[in-house]
């Protein structure tokens, strides 16, 4: 059996949704610093540049990840006030401006998925957010993110562990 490039390099193979979540978080992080309207940005160019920086192979996983990132970024832009209000409600004693920028944007991605992407189970969104925090943020961020997102999950009117075909 021949090994593909990912197996040869020893790097874990990423799922397209994970790639999309990471690209969306990076865009949102950059947007937090520069206050750019996502509709005014060439998201494909951003994703291509980010993909090269992360040394992601230009394959099907990356293409689908880029599509997912674009959907997340535009959806979060459309619903940012509701997402941020939800985060404020469940992050006791933490103002959004006091949160680490990377943590805030990891949670924005997860909250958007939990509220508006029914085919992704909330537990998956939470686990992915904690995993991304492990890769991009401080040591205690995963616990903080897990706590906030679990509080949100517990209020949802859909199954936590299963995808929903229609809400």
Protein backbone atom coordinates (compact mmCIF):
# COMPACT_ATOMS: atom_id res chain seq x y z
CA UNK A 1 0.00 0.00 0.00
CA UNK A 2 1.42 3.38 -1.01
CA UNK A 3 1.37 6.25 1.47
CA UNK A 4 -0.09 9.59 0.44
CA UNK A 5 1.81 12.85 1.07
CA UNK A 6 0.04 13.46 4.40
CA UNK A 7 1.00 10.04 5.71
CA UNK A 8 4.60 10.42 4.51
CA UNK A 9 4.99 13.81 6.20
CA UNK A 10 3.67 12.52 9.52
CA UNK A 11 1.21 15.42 9.75
CA UNK A 12 -2.33 14.47 10.76
CA UNK A 13 -4.86 14.49 7.97
CA UNK A 14 -7.33 17.31 8.47
CA UNK A 15 -11.03 17.17 7.68
CA UNK A 16 -12.35 19.87 5.35
CA UNK A 17 -14.64 21.32 8.02
CA UNK A 18 -11.68 21.60 10.42
CA UNK A 19 -9.70 23.41 7.72
CA UNK A 20 -12.70 25.69 7.17
CA UNK A 21 -13.07 26.44 10.86
CA UNK A 22 -9.39 27.32 11.18
CA UNK A 23 -9.45 29.54 8.10
CA UNK A 24 -12.62 31.28 9.36
CA UNK A 25 -11.07 31.82 12.80
CA UNK A 26 -7.95 33.31 11.21
CA UNK A 27 -10.01 35.63 9.03
CA UNK A 28 -12.16 36.71 11.99
CA UNK A 29 -9.02 37.30 14.06
CA UNK A 30 -7.60 39.51 11.31
CA UNK A 31 -10.96 41.22 10.92
CA UNK A 32 -11.07 41.99 14.65
CA UNK A 33 -7.78 43.82 14.28
CA UNK A 34 -8.57 45.64 11.02
CA UNK A 35 -12.38 46.00 11.10
CA UNK A 36 -12.92 44.93 7.48
CA UNK A 37 -16.33 44.06 6.06
CA UNK A 38 -15.99 40.43 4.88
CA UNK A 39 -17.97 41.28 1.75
CA UNK A 40 -15.22 43.73 0.77
CA UNK A 41 -12.49 41.08 0.96
CA UNK A 42 -11.49 38.52 -1.64
CA UNK A 43 -12.09 35.52 0.63
CA UNK A 44 -10.65 33.09 -1.92
CA UNK A 45 -7.39 35.07 -1.98
CA UNK A 46 -7.35 35.20 1.83
CA UNK A 47 -7.87 31.43 2.06
CA UNK A 48 -5.21 30.74 -0.56
CA UNK A 49 -2.67 32.88 1.29
CA UNK A 50 -3.59 31.32 4.64
CA UNK A 51 -3.36 27.85 3.09
CA UNK A 52 0.16 28.58 1.87
CA UNK A 53 1.16 29.97 5.26
CA UNK A 54 -0.18 26.84 6.97
CA UNK A 55 1.41 24.67 4.27
CA UNK A 56 -1.90 23.01 3.45
CA UNK A 57 -1.87 20.89 0.30
CA UNK A 58 -3.98 22.24 -2.57
CA UNK A 59 -6.31 19.27 -2.65
CA UNK A 60 -10.00 18.43 -2.31
CA UNK A 61 -9.91 18.81 1.49
CA UNK A 62 -8.50 22.32 1.18
CA UNK A 63 -10.98 23.33 -1.56
CA UNK A 64 -13.94 22.10 0.50
CA UNK A 65 -12.44 23.71 3.61
CA UNK A 66 -12.18 27.03 1.79
CA UNK A 67 -15.86 26.76 0.78
CA UNK A 68 -16.85 25.97 4.36
CA UNK A 69 -14.74 28.89 5.66
CA UNK A 70 -16.46 31.28 3.27
CA UNK A 71 -19.89 30.06 4.41
CA UNK A 72 -18.87 30.49 8.06
CA UNK A 73 -17.35 33.94 7.58
CA UNK A 74 -20.35 35.33 5.70
CA UNK A 75 -22.82 33.69 8.09
CA UNK A 76 -21.03 35.04 11.14
CA UNK A 77 -20.98 38.51 9.55
CA UNK A 78 -24.75 38.29 9.00
CA UNK A 79 -25.45 37.16 12.58
CA UNK A 80 -22.57 38.68 14.55
CA UNK A 81 -24.77 40.72 16.89
CA UNK A 82 -26.77 37.62 17.90
CA UNK A 83 -23.62 35.51 18.23
CA UNK A 84 -21.89 38.14 20.35
CA UNK A 85 -24.99 38.61 22.53
CA UNK A 86 -25.07 34.85 23.10
CA UNK A 87 -21.38 34.83 24.05
CA UNK A 88 -21.89 37.76 26.44
CA UNK A 89 -24.79 35.96 28.10
CA UNK A 90 -22.79 32.77 28.74
CA UNK A 91 -19.33 34.14 29.49
CA UNK A 92 -19.98 35.16 33.05
CA UNK A 93 -17.92 38.12 34.22
CA UNK A 94 -16.10 38.29 30.87
CA UNK A 95 -16.70 41.19 28.55
CA UNK A 96 -16.06 40.29 24.91
CA UNK A 97 -13.35 42.94 24.72
CA UNK A 98 -11.50 41.31 27.62
CA UNK A 99 -11.38 37.91 25.92
CA UNK A 100 -8.34 36.92 23.94
CA UNK A 101 -9.05 37.75 20.28
CA UNK A 102 -8.33 34.21 19.17
CA UNK A 103 -10.63 32.71 21.83
CA UNK A 104 -13.45 35.10 20.97
CA UNK A 105 -13.26 34.16 17.30
CA UNK A 106 -12.97 30.43 17.92
CA UNK A 107 -16.18 30.72 19.93
CA UNK A 108 -17.89 32.82 17.25
CA UNK A 109 -17.33 30.01 14.77
CA UNK A 110 -18.66 27.38 17.20
CA UNK A 111 -21.69 29.45 18.23
CA UNK A 112 -22.56 30.11 14.59
CA UNK A 113 -22.45 26.38 13.90
CA UNK A 114 -24.55 25.57 16.97
CA UNK A 115 -27.20 28.16 16.11
CA UNK A 116 -27.27 28.10 12.31
CA UNK A 117 -25.65 24.91 10.96
CA UNK A 118 -27.97 22.07 12.04
CA UNK A 119 -26.02 19.39 10.15
CA UNK A 120 -23.14 19.87 12.61
CA UNK A 121 -23.93 18.45 16.07
CA UNK A 122 -23.24 20.99 18.85
CA UNK A 123 -20.85 18.53 20.55
CA UNK A 124 -18.75 18.48 17.38
CA UNK A 125 -18.63 22.28 17.30
CA UNK A 126 -17.49 22.35 20.91
CA UNK A 127 -14.84 19.64 20.46
CA UNK A 128 -13.50 21.35 17.35
CA UNK A 129 -13.37 24.72 19.13
CA UNK A 130 -11.42 23.21 22.04
CA UNK A 131 -9.05 21.49 19.60
CA UNK A 132 -8.44 24.70 17.67
CA UNK A 133 -7.86 26.54 20.95
CA UNK A 134 -5.29 23.91 21.87
CA UNK A 135 -3.46 24.67 18.61
CA UNK A 136 -3.80 28.46 18.54
CA UNK A 137 -4.38 29.79 22.06
CA UNK A 138 -3.17 29.62 25.64
CA UNK A 139 -3.16 26.62 27.92
CA UNK A 140 -6.35 27.44 29.84
CA UNK A 141 -8.33 28.66 26.84
CA UNK A 142 -9.73 25.22 26.07
CA UNK A 143 -11.37 24.99 29.51
CA UNK A 144 -12.82 28.51 29.22
CA UNK A 145 -14.14 27.87 25.70
CA UNK A 146 -15.53 24.48 26.70
CA UNK A 147 -17.39 25.99 29.66
CA UNK A 148 -18.95 28.83 27.68
CA UNK A 149 -19.95 26.64 24.74
CA UNK A 150 -21.37 23.88 26.95
CA UNK A 151 -23.59 26.47 28.63
CA UNK A 152 -24.90 27.50 25.21
CA UNK A 153 -25.34 23.88 24.11
CA UNK A 154 -27.49 23.14 27.14
CA UNK A 155 -30.03 25.78 26.05
CA UNK A 156 -30.43 24.56 22.47
CA UNK A 157 -33.66 22.98 21.35
CA UNK A 158 -31.92 20.31 19.28
CA UNK A 159 -29.95 17.16 20.03
CA UNK A 160 -26.41 17.84 21.23
CA UNK A 161 -24.88 14.74 19.69
CA UNK A 162 -26.80 14.39 16.45
CA UNK A 163 -27.09 16.33 13.25
CA UNK A 164 -30.49 17.71 12.42
CA UNK A 165 -31.76 17.56 8.86
CA UNK A 166 -34.16 20.49 9.31
CA UNK A 167 -34.81 22.80 12.21
